[in-house]
Amino acid sequence: MSRESMYPLFRHLQSEGNEAIRGSTGVSVKLKIKRLPETGEWKVCWYEDDVLNEDRSYYAGDQEDAQLTARAMADEAYRMGYSTVEVFS
């Protein structure tokens, strides 16, 4: 099974750019993938209503790991019922 087929929600997000996915709660989630220049690590930042939640953020050693993890995080946020899930890279 390909990685893309495992994450149909994120595949939709990727194909439509930074489009929002709507759920049922009043809290929005934004996931931002960025590289940390001081360490070379990649970080998936989890923002709830534009406030960084460091406990839900993820650090990765490479870009592919960060992207795959962001896909899983977006899918999970959608399943948890967040009102809006957006992914930026």
PDB file of N, CA and C in Angstrom:
ATOM      1  N   MET A   1       0.852  -1.180   0.000  1.00  0.00           N
ATOM      2  CA  MET A   1       0.000   0.000   0.000  1.00  0.00           C
ATOM      3  C   MET A   1       0.897   1.243   0.000  1.00  0.00           C
ATOM      4  N   SER A   2       0.613   2.185  -0.869  1.00  0.00           N
ATOM      5  CA  SER A   2       1.428   3.402  -0.936  1.00  0.00           C
ATOM      6  C   SER A   2       1.097   4.320   0.234  1.00  0.00           C
ATOM      7  N   ARG A   3       2.045   5.177   0.566  1.00  0.00           N
ATOM      8  CA  ARG A   3       1.828   6.128   1.664  1.00  0.00           C
ATOM      9  C   ARG A   3       0.681   7.080   1.343  1.00  0.00           C
ATOM     10  N   GLU A   4       0.572   7.485   0.068  1.00  0.00           N
ATOM     11  CA  GLU A   4      -0.475   8.413  -0.321  1.00  0.00           C
ATOM     12  C   GLU A   4      -1.861   7.815  -0.139  1.00  0.00           C
ATOM     13  N   SER A   5      -1.991   6.517  -0.414  1.00  0.00           N
ATOM     14  CA  SER A   5      -3.301   5.886  -0.266  1.00  0.00           C
ATOM     15  C   SER A   5      -3.675   5.723   1.208  1.00  0.00           C
ATOM     16  N   MET A   6      -2.669   5.755   2.090  1.00  0.00           N
ATOM     17  CA  MET A   6      -2.944   5.640   3.520  1.00  0.00           C
ATOM     18  C   MET A   6      -3.523   6.934   4.087  1.00  0.00           C
ATOM     19  N   TYR A   7      -3.328   8.042   3.410  1.00  0.00           N
ATOM     20  CA  TYR A   7      -3.750   9.345   3.915  1.00  0.00           C
ATOM     21  C   TYR A   7      -4.578  10.091   2.873  1.00  0.00           C
ATOM     22  N   PRO A   8      -5.791   9.616   2.572  1.00  0.00           N
ATOM     23  CA  PRO A   8      -6.588  10.273   1.531  1.00  0.00           C
ATOM     24  C   PRO A   8      -6.949  11.716   1.874  1.00  0.00           C
ATOM     25  N   LEU A   9      -7.140  12.031   3.139  1.00  0.00           N
ATOM     26  CA  LEU A   9      -7.474  13.397   3.527  1.00  0.00           C
ATOM     27  C   LEU A   9      -6.349  14.338   3.149  1.00  0.00           C
ATOM     28  N   PHE A  10      -5.107  13.971   3.488  1.00  0.00           N
ATOM     29  CA  PHE A  10      -3.986  14.848   3.198  1.00  0.00           C
ATOM     30  C   PHE A  10      -3.715  14.910   1.702  1.00  0.00           C
ATOM     31  N   ARG A  11      -3.953  13.801   0.990  1.00  0.00           N
ATOM     32  CA  ARG A  11      -3.783  13.833  -0.455  1.00  0.00           C
ATOM     33  C   ARG A  11      -4.706  14.896  -1.042  1.00  0.00           C
ATOM     34  N   HIS A  12      -5.932  14.974  -0.506  1.00  0.00           N
ATOM     35  CA  HIS A  12      -6.866  16.009  -0.949  1.00  0.00           C
ATOM     36  C   HIS A  12      -6.308  17.390  -0.611  1.00  0.00           C
ATOM     37  N   LEU A  13      -5.774  17.551   0.583  1.00  0.00           N
ATOM     38  CA  LEU A  13      -5.202  18.830   0.970  1.00  0.00           C
ATOM     39  C   LEU A  13      -4.064  19.225   0.042  1.00  0.00           C
ATOM     40  N   GLN A  14      -3.199  18.260  -0.286  1.00  0.00           N
ATOM     41  CA  GLN A  14      -2.072  18.568  -1.160  1.00  0.00           C
ATOM     42  C   GLN A  14      -2.543  18.966  -2.553  1.00  0.00           C
ATOM     43  N   SER A  15      -3.550  18.279  -3.061  1.00  0.00           N
ATOM     44  CA  SER A  15      -3.981  18.558  -4.421  1.00  0.00           C
ATOM     45  C   SER A  15      -4.704  19.895  -4.531  1.00  0.00           C
ATOM     46  N   GLU A  16      -5.262  20.371  -3.433  1.00  0.00           N
ATOM     47  CA  GLU A  16      -5.990  21.628  -3.459  1.00  0.00           C
ATOM     48  C   GLU A  16      -5.190  22.781  -2.852  1.00  0.00           C
ATOM     49  N   GLY A  17      -3.919  22.579  -2.588  1.00  0.00           N
ATOM     50  CA  GLY A  17      -3.116  23.629  -1.980  1.00  0.00           C
ATOM     51  C   GLY A  17      -3.342  23.676  -0.484  1.00  0.00           C
ATOM     52  N   ASN A  18      -3.533  24.865   0.062  1.00  0.00           N
ATOM     53  CA  ASN A  18      -3.712  25.022   1.506  1.00  0.00           C
ATOM     54  C   ASN A  18      -5.185  25.163   1.862  1.00  0.00           C
ATOM     55  N   GLU A  19      -6.014  24.394   1.236  1.00  0.00           N
ATOM     56  CA  GLU A  19      -7.449  24.450   1.472  1.00  0.00           C
ATOM     57  C   GLU A  19      -7.797  23.893   2.852  1.00  0.00           C
ATOM     58  N   ALA A  20      -8.828  24.445   3.460  1.00  0.00           N
ATOM     59  CA  ALA A  20      -9.256  24.004   4.785  1.00  0.00           C
ATOM     60  C   ALA A  20     -10.211  22.822   4.680  1.00  0.00           C
ATOM     61  N   ILE A  21     -10.165  21.943   5.654  1.00  0.00           N
ATOM     62  CA  ILE A  21     -11.107  20.834   5.797  1.00  0.00           C
ATOM     63  C   ILE A  21     -11.941  21.150   7.027  1.00  0.00           C
ATOM     64  N   ARG A  22     -13.244  21.031   6.933  1.00  0.00           N
ATOM     65  CA  ARG A  22     -14.121  21.426   8.028  1.00  0.00           C
ATOM     66  C   ARG A  22     -14.619  20.226   8.831  1.00  0.00           C
ATOM     67  N   GLY A  23     -14.622  20.347  10.145  1.00  0.00           N
ATOM     68  CA  GLY A  23     -15.118  19.323  11.054  1.00  0.00           C
ATOM     69  C   GLY A  23     -16.251  19.869  11.900  1.00  0.00           C
ATOM     70  N   SER A  24     -16.367  19.394  13.152  1.00  0.00           N
ATOM     71  CA  SER A  24     -17.536  19.739  13.945  1.00  0.00           C
ATOM     72  C   SER A  24     -17.283  20.607  15.170  1.00  0.00           C
ATOM     73  N   THR A  25     -16.039  20.787  15.618  1.00  0.00           N
ATOM     74  CA  THR A  25     -15.802  21.602  16.810  1.00  0.00           C
ATOM     75  C   THR A  25     -15.572  23.048  16.411  1.00  0.00           C
ATOM     76  N   GLY A  26     -15.451  23.912  17.399  1.00  0.00           N
ATOM     77  CA  GLY A  26     -15.217  25.322  17.124  1.00  0.00           C
ATOM     78  C   GLY A  26     -13.752  25.702  17.100  1.00  0.00           C
ATOM     79  N   VAL A  27     -12.847  24.740  17.233  1.00  0.00           N
ATOM     80  CA  VAL A  27     -11.418  25.027  17.288  1.00  0.00           C
ATOM     81  C   VAL A  27     -10.780  24.698  15.946  1.00  0.00           C
ATOM     82  N   SER A  28      -9.978  25.628  15.422  1.00  0.00           N
ATOM     83  CA  SER A  28      -9.288  25.371  14.164  1.00  0.00           C
ATOM     84  C   SER A  28      -7.851  24.945  14.445  1.00  0.00           C
ATOM     85  N   VAL A  29      -7.321  24.100  13.566  1.00  0.00           N
ATOM     86  CA  VAL A  29      -5.955  23.618  13.670  1.00  0.00           C
ATOM     87  C   VAL A  29      -5.207  23.976  12.398  1.00  0.00           C
ATOM     88  N   LYS A  30      -4.009  24.501  12.566  1.00  0.00           N
ATOM     89  CA  LYS A  30      -3.108  24.744  11.444  1.00  0.00           C
ATOM     90  C   LYS A  30      -1.826  23.979  11.730  1.00  0.00           C
ATOM     91  N   LEU A  31      -1.369  23.240  10.751  1.00  0.00           N
ATOM     92  CA  LEU A  31      -0.109  22.517  10.838  1.00  0.00           C
ATOM     93  C   LEU A  31       0.870  23.173   9.878  1.00  0.00           C
ATOM     94  N   LYS A  32       1.990  23.606  10.397  1.00  0.00           N
ATOM     95  CA  LYS A  32       3.002  24.260   9.569  1.00  0.00           C
ATOM     96  C   LYS A  32       4.287  23.458   9.640  1.00  0.00           C
ATOM     97  N   ILE A  33       4.808  23.102   8.470  1.00  0.00           N
ATOM     98  CA  ILE A  33       6.061  22.353   8.388  1.00  0.00           C
ATOM     99  C   ILE A  33       7.180  23.349   8.101  1.00  0.00           C
ATOM    100  N   LYS A  34       8.202  23.322   8.967  1.00  0.00           N
ATOM    101  CA  LYS A  34       9.323  24.233   8.740  1.00  0.00           C
ATOM    102  C   LYS A  34      10.622  23.570   9.166  1.00  0.00           C
ATOM    103  N   ARG A  35      11.684  24.067   8.607  1.00  0.00           N
ATOM    104  CA  ARG A  35      13.021  23.570   8.958  1.00  0.00           C
ATOM    105  C   ARG A  35      13.639  24.515   9.980  1.00  0.00           C
ATOM    106  N   LEU A  36      14.240  23.939  10.995  1.00  0.00           N
ATOM    107  CA  LEU A  36      14.907  24.725  12.025  1.00  0.00           C
ATOM    108  C   LEU A  36      16.375  24.888  11.643  1.00  0.00           C
ATOM    109  N   PRO A  37      16.798  26.089  11.244  1.00  0.00           N
ATOM    110  CA  PRO A  37      18.160  26.272  10.731  1.00  0.00           C
ATOM    111  C   PRO A  37      19.246  25.999  11.769  1.00  0.00           C
ATOM    112  N   GLU A  38      18.944  26.227  13.032  1.00  0.00           N
ATOM    113  CA  GLU A  38      19.977  26.043  14.058  1.00  0.00           C
ATOM    114  C   GLU A  38      20.314  24.575  14.309  1.00  0.00           C
ATOM    115  N   THR A  39      19.369  23.658  14.045  1.00  0.00           N
ATOM    116  CA  THR A  39      19.621  22.231  14.289  1.00  0.00           C
ATOM    117  C   THR A  39      19.536  21.379  13.023  1.00  0.00           C
ATOM    118  N   GLY A  40      18.919  21.919  11.968  1.00  0.00           N
ATOM    119  CA  GLY A  40      18.711  21.145  10.751  1.00  0.00           C
ATOM    120  C   GLY A  40      17.512  20.219  10.829  1.00  0.00           C
ATOM    121  N   GLU A  41      16.835  20.197  11.978  1.00  0.00           N
ATOM    122  CA  GLU A  41      15.638  19.366  12.124  1.00  0.00           C
ATOM    123  C   GLU A  41      14.451  19.996  11.411  1.00  0.00           C
ATOM    124  N   TRP A  42      13.451  19.172  11.170  1.00  0.00           N
ATOM    125  CA  TRP A  42      12.174  19.630  10.627  1.00  0.00           C
ATOM    126  C   TRP A  42      11.150  19.599  11.745  1.00  0.00           C
ATOM    127  N   LYS A  43      10.230  20.539  11.728  1.00  0.00           N
ATOM    128  CA  LYS A  43       9.220  20.625  12.781  1.00  0.00           C
ATOM    129  C   LYS A  43       7.842  20.766  12.154  1.00  0.00           C
ATOM    130  N   VAL A  44       6.900  19.998  12.681  1.00  0.00           N
ATOM    131  CA  VAL A  44       5.495  20.165  12.327  1.00  0.00           C
ATOM    132  C   VAL A  44       4.882  20.917  13.507  1.00  0.00           C
ATOM    133  N   CYS A  45       4.575  22.187  13.291  1.00  0.00           N
ATOM    134  CA  CYS A  45       4.022  23.035  14.348  1.00  0.00           C
ATOM    135  C   CYS A  45       2.500  22.888  14.361  1.00  0.00           C
ATOM    136  N   TRP A  46       1.942  22.663  15.533  1.00  0.00           N
ATOM    137  CA  TRP A  46       0.497  22.502  15.707  1.00  0.00           C
ATOM    138  C   TRP A  46      -0.036  23.788  16.337  1.00  0.00           C
ATOM    139  N   TYR A  47      -0.888  24.503  15.611  1.00  0.00           N
ATOM    140  CA  TYR A  47      -1.509  25.718  16.115  1.00  0.00           C
ATOM    141  C   TYR A  47      -2.999  25.471  16.317  1.00  0.00           C
ATOM    142  N   GLU A  48      -3.506  25.798  17.493  1.00  0.00           N
ATOM    143  CA  GLU A  48      -4.940  25.750  17.761  1.00  0.00           C
ATOM    144  C   GLU A  48      -5.416  27.187  17.888  1.00  0.00           C
ATOM    145  N   ASP A  49      -6.336  27.578  17.010  1.00  0.00           N
ATOM    146  CA  ASP A  49      -6.810  28.970  16.970  1.00  0.00           C
ATOM    147  C   ASP A  49      -5.641  29.947  16.984  1.00  0.00           C
ATOM    148  N   ASP A  50      -4.649  29.679  16.140  1.00  0.00           N
ATOM    149  CA  ASP A  50      -3.461  30.522  15.926  1.00  0.00           C
ATOM    150  C   ASP A  50      -2.522  30.613  17.126  1.00  0.00           C
ATOM    151  N   VAL A  51      -2.637  29.688  18.087  1.00  0.00           N
ATOM    152  CA  VAL A  51      -1.728  29.637  19.233  1.00  0.00           C
ATOM    153  C   VAL A  51      -0.934  28.334  19.145  1.00  0.00           C
ATOM    154  N   LEU A  52       0.406  28.450  19.165  1.00  0.00           N
ATOM    155  CA  LEU A  52       1.262  27.278  19.070  1.00  0.00           C
ATOM    156  C   LEU A  52       1.049  26.371  20.279  1.00  0.00           C
ATOM    157  N   ASN A  53       0.819  25.081  20.015  1.00  0.00           N
ATOM    158  CA  ASN A  53       0.735  24.072  21.070  1.00  0.00           C
ATOM    159  C   ASN A  53       1.981  23.198  20.918  1.00  0.00           C
ATOM    160  N   GLU A  54       3.003  23.510  21.697  1.00  0.00           N
ATOM    161  CA  GLU A  54       4.288  22.813  21.590  1.00  0.00           C
ATOM    162  C   GLU A  54       4.147  21.327  21.939  1.00  0.00           C
ATOM    163  N   ASP A  55       3.237  20.997  22.848  1.00  0.00           N
ATOM    164  CA  ASP A  55       3.053  19.595  23.238  1.00  0.00           C
ATOM    165  C   ASP A  55       2.547  18.731  22.087  1.00  0.00           C
ATOM    166  N   ARG A  56       1.850  19.322  21.139  1.00  0.00           N
ATOM    167  CA  ARG A  56       1.334  18.566  19.993  1.00  0.00           C
ATOM    168  C   ARG A  56       2.219  18.713  18.757  1.00  0.00           C
ATOM    169  N   SER A  57       3.246  19.526  18.834  1.00  0.00           N
ATOM    170  CA  SER A  57       4.168  19.697  17.712  1.00  0.00           C
ATOM    171  C   SER A  57       5.083  18.486  17.630  1.00  0.00           C
ATOM    172  N   TYR A  58       5.694  18.287  16.462  1.00  0.00           N
ATOM    173  CA  TYR A  58       6.509  17.102  16.217  1.00  0.00           C
ATOM    174  C   TYR A  58       7.827  17.511  15.574  1.00  0.00           C
ATOM    175  N   TYR A  59       8.907  16.893  16.014  1.00  0.00           N
ATOM    176  CA  TYR A  59      10.231  17.140  15.444  1.00  0.00           C
ATOM    177  C   TYR A  59      10.663  15.912  14.653  1.00  0.00           C
ATOM    178  N   ALA A  60      11.214  16.158  13.459  1.00  0.00           N
ATOM    179  CA  ALA A  60      11.629  15.065  12.582  1.00  0.00           C
ATOM    180  C   ALA A  60      13.046  15.322  12.090  1.00  0.00           C
ATOM    181  N   GLY A  61      13.718  14.247  11.727  1.00  0.00           N
ATOM    182  CA  GLY A  61      15.084  14.346  11.230  1.00  0.00           C
ATOM    183  C   GLY A  61      15.183  14.701   9.763  1.00  0.00           C
ATOM    184  N   ASP A  62      14.106  14.442   9.005  1.00  0.00           N
ATOM    185  CA  ASP A  62      14.139  14.768   7.576  1.00  0.00           C
ATOM    186  C   ASP A  62      12.768  15.254   7.105  1.00  0.00           C
ATOM    187  N   GLN A  63      12.766  15.838   5.922  1.00  0.00           N
ATOM    188  CA  GLN A  63      11.555  16.451   5.375  1.00  0.00           C
ATOM    189  C   GLN A  63      10.464  15.420   5.103  1.00  0.00           C
ATOM    190  N   GLU A  64      10.821  14.272   4.576  1.00  0.00           N
ATOM    191  CA  GLU A  64       9.813  13.259   4.270  1.00  0.00           C
ATOM    192  C   GLU A  64       9.085  12.805   5.537  1.00  0.00           C
ATOM    193  N   ASP A  65       9.833  12.591   6.610  1.00  0.00           N
ATOM    194  CA  ASP A  65       9.217  12.197   7.881  1.00  0.00           C
ATOM    195  C   ASP A  65       8.261  13.285   8.362  1.00  0.00           C
ATOM    196  N   ALA A  66       8.665  14.546   8.269  1.00  0.00           N
ATOM    197  CA  ALA A  66       7.808  15.655   8.698  1.00  0.00           C
ATOM    198  C   ALA A  66       6.524  15.703   7.870  1.00  0.00           C
ATOM    199  N   GLN A  67       6.633  15.515   6.549  1.00  0.00           N
ATOM    200  CA  GLN A  67       5.457  15.557   5.691  1.00  0.00           C
ATOM    201  C   GLN A  67       4.508  14.398   5.973  1.00  0.00           C
ATOM    202  N   LEU A  68       5.047  13.195   6.145  1.00  0.00           N
ATOM    203  CA  LEU A  68       4.205  12.040   6.446  1.00  0.00           C
ATOM    204  C   LEU A  68       3.524  12.190   7.800  1.00  0.00           C
ATOM    205  N   THR A  69       4.256  12.724   8.761  1.00  0.00           N
ATOM    206  CA  THR A  69       3.674  12.929  10.086  1.00  0.00           C
ATOM    207  C   THR A  69       2.590  14.005  10.039  1.00  0.00           C
ATOM    208  N   ALA A  70       2.817  15.068   9.275  1.00  0.00           N
ATOM    209  CA  ALA A  70       1.791  16.114   9.139  1.00  0.00           C
ATOM    210  C   ALA A  70       0.515  15.538   8.533  1.00  0.00           C
ATOM    211  N   ARG A  71       0.668  14.624   7.590  1.00  0.00           N
ATOM    212  CA  ARG A  71      -0.505  13.972   6.999  1.00  0.00           C
ATOM    213  C   ARG A  71      -1.301  13.232   8.059  1.00  0.00           C
ATOM    214  N   ALA A  72      -0.583  12.456   8.874  1.00  0.00           N
ATOM    215  CA  ALA A  72      -1.243  11.690   9.933  1.00  0.00           C
ATOM    216  C   ALA A  72      -1.868  12.623  10.971  1.00  0.00           C
ATOM    217  N   MET A  73      -1.173  13.700  11.303  1.00  0.00           N
ATOM    218  CA  MET A  73      -1.698  14.655  12.279  1.00  0.00           C
ATOM    219  C   MET A  73      -2.955  15.344  11.750  1.00  0.00           C
ATOM    220  N   ALA A  74      -2.968  15.699  10.472  1.00  0.00           N
ATOM    221  CA  ALA A  74      -4.147  16.328   9.876  1.00  0.00           C
ATOM    222  C   ALA A  74      -5.331  15.374   9.888  1.00  0.00           C
ATOM    223  N   ASP A  75      -5.071  14.136   9.546  1.00  0.00           N
ATOM    224  CA  ASP A  75      -6.122  13.127   9.551  1.00  0.00           C
ATOM    225  C   ASP A  75      -6.685  12.947  10.960  1.00  0.00           C
ATOM    226  N   GLU A  76      -5.795  12.871  11.937  1.00  0.00           N
ATOM    227  CA  GLU A  76      -6.220  12.699  13.330  1.00  0.00           C
ATOM    228  C   GLU A  76      -7.016  13.910  13.819  1.00  0.00           C
ATOM    229  N   ALA A  77      -6.559  15.114  13.501  1.00  0.00           N
ATOM    230  CA  ALA A  77      -7.285  16.324  13.909  1.00  0.00           C
ATOM    231  C   ALA A  77      -8.691  16.329  13.310  1.00  0.00           C
ATOM    232  N   TYR A  78      -8.795  15.924  12.066  1.00  0.00           N
ATOM    233  CA  TYR A  78     -10.105  15.859  11.409  1.00  0.00           C
ATOM    234  C   TYR A  78     -10.995  14.832  12.113  1.00  0.00           C
ATOM    235  N   ARG A  79     -10.439  13.661  12.416  1.00  0.00           N
ATOM    236  CA  ARG A  79     -11.216  12.626  13.122  1.00  0.00           C
ATOM    237  C   ARG A  79     -11.625  13.082  14.516  1.00  0.00           C
ATOM    238  N   MET A  80     -10.789  13.907  15.146  1.00  0.00           N
ATOM    239  CA  MET A  80     -11.105  14.403  16.487  1.00  0.00           C
ATOM    240  C   MET A  80     -12.163  15.507  16.441  1.00  0.00           C
ATOM    241  N   GLY A  81     -12.504  15.981  15.247  1.00  0.00           N
ATOM    242  CA  GLY A  81     -13.592  16.933  15.090  1.00  0.00           C
ATOM    243  C   GLY A  81     -13.220  18.389  15.129  1.00  0.00           C
ATOM    244  N   TYR A  82     -11.943  18.717  14.935  1.00  0.00           N
ATOM    245  CA  TYR A  82     -11.581  20.135  14.879  1.00  0.00           C
ATOM    246  C   TYR A  82     -12.324  20.800  13.731  1.00  0.00           C
ATOM    247  N   SER A  83     -12.719  22.055  13.918  1.00  0.00           N
ATOM    248  CA  SER A  83     -13.572  22.723  12.941  1.00  0.00           C
ATOM    249  C   SER A  83     -12.885  22.962  11.605  1.00  0.00           C
ATOM    250  N   THR A  84     -11.597  23.276  11.643  1.00  0.00           N
ATOM    251  CA  THR A  84     -10.850  23.535  10.417  1.00  0.00           C
ATOM    252  C   THR A  84      -9.461  22.947  10.581  1.00  0.00           C
ATOM    253  N   VAL A  85      -9.001  22.241   9.564  1.00  0.00           N
ATOM    254  CA  VAL A  85      -7.641  21.701   9.583  1.00  0.00           C
ATOM    255  C   VAL A  85      -6.956  22.204   8.318  1.00  0.00           C
ATOM    256  N   GLU A  86      -5.836  22.922   8.486  1.00  0.00           N
ATOM    257  CA  GLU A  86      -5.082  23.429   7.349  1.00  0.00           C
ATOM    258  C   GLU A  86      -3.625  22.975   7.484  1.00  0.00           C
ATOM    259  N   VAL A  87      -3.021  22.649   6.352  1.00  0.00           N
ATOM    260  CA  VAL A  87      -1.623  22.226   6.354  1.00  0.00           C
ATOM    261  C   VAL A  87      -0.844  23.169   5.445  1.00  0.00           C
ATOM    262  N   PHE A  88       0.255  23.705   5.966  1.00  0.00           N
ATOM    263  CA  PHE A  88       1.136  24.585   5.212  1.00  0.00           C
ATOM    264  C   PHE A  88       2.532  23.988   5.230  1.00  0.00           C
ATOM    265  N   SER A  89       3.213  24.025   4.089  1.00  0.00           N
ATOM    266  CA  SER A  89       4.592  23.544   4.088  1.00  0.00           C
ATOM    267  C   SER A  89       5.512  24.558   3.473  1.00  0.00           C
TER     268      SER A  89
END
